[in-house]
Amino acid sequence: MDILIYLIPIALSLGFLGLMAFLWTLKTGQYDDIEGAKWRVLSDDDLPNHGDRK
């Protein structure tokens, strides 16, 4: 049972760290454009032009 003295603060610290990371992502606007990501995946702008190949 002595291990709980270490495990409980570690678990609380990791939970708090996860909460802070989530709040940081909200603050920096990571979830603002959810619909745009699925359209960016479908765009072919980064593909080279292979029109000269036969």
Protein backbone atom coordinates (compact mmCIF):
# COMPACT_ATOMS: atom_id res chain seq x y z
CA MET A 1 0.00 0.00 0.00
CA ASP A 2 3.01 2.29 0.24
CA ILE A 3 3.14 2.44 -3.53
CA LEU A 4 -0.11 4.43 -3.53
CA ILE A 5 1.80 7.32 -1.99
CA TYR A 6 3.66 7.56 -5.30
CA LEU A 7 1.00 6.43 -7.77
CA ILE A 8 -1.78 8.82 -6.74
CA PRO A 9 0.29 12.02 -7.19
CA ILE A 10 1.73 10.70 -10.46
CA ALA A 11 -1.77 9.90 -11.78
CA LEU A 12 -3.07 13.31 -10.72
CA SER A 13 -0.09 15.05 -12.31
CA LEU A 14 -0.56 13.20 -15.61
CA GLY A 15 -4.28 13.99 -15.60
CA PHE A 16 -3.56 17.65 -14.95
CA LEU A 17 -0.94 17.67 -17.71
CA GLY A 18 -3.45 16.16 -20.14
CA LEU A 19 -6.04 18.74 -19.18
CA MET A 20 -3.55 21.56 -19.70
CA ALA A 21 -2.59 20.16 -23.12
CA PHE A 22 -6.26 19.98 -24.12
CA LEU A 23 -6.91 23.53 -22.97
CA TRP A 24 -3.83 24.70 -24.89
CA THR A 25 -5.18 23.11 -28.08
CA LEU A 26 -8.49 24.90 -27.56
CA LYS A 27 -6.71 28.21 -27.00
CA THR A 28 -4.55 27.90 -30.12
CA GLY A 29 -7.51 27.08 -32.36
CA GLN A 30 -6.73 23.47 -33.22
CA TYR A 31 -10.43 22.63 -33.49
CA ASP A 32 -11.63 25.71 -35.38
CA ASP A 33 -11.71 24.26 -38.92
CA ILE A 34 -12.81 20.64 -38.61
CA GLU A 35 -14.49 20.54 -42.03
CA GLY A 36 -11.50 21.96 -43.90
CA ALA A 37 -9.18 19.07 -43.09
CA LYS A 38 -11.23 16.51 -44.98
CA TRP A 39 -11.21 18.71 -48.10
CA ARG A 40 -7.47 19.39 -47.90
CA VAL A 41 -6.81 15.65 -47.96
CA LEU A 42 -8.66 15.35 -51.27
CA SER A 43 -6.86 18.20 -53.02
CA ASP A 44 -4.15 17.25 -55.54
CA ASP A 45 -2.18 20.49 -55.34
CA ASP A 46 1.02 18.83 -54.11
CA LEU A 47 1.19 16.18 -56.86
CA PRO A 48 3.64 16.81 -59.72
CA ASN A 49 2.33 17.11 -63.25
CA HIS A 50 2.98 13.87 -65.17
CA GLY A 51 1.27 14.95 -68.40
CA ASP A 52 4.37 14.24 -70.51
CA ARG A 53 4.42 10.51 -69.63
CA LYS A 54 2.78 8.07 -72.05
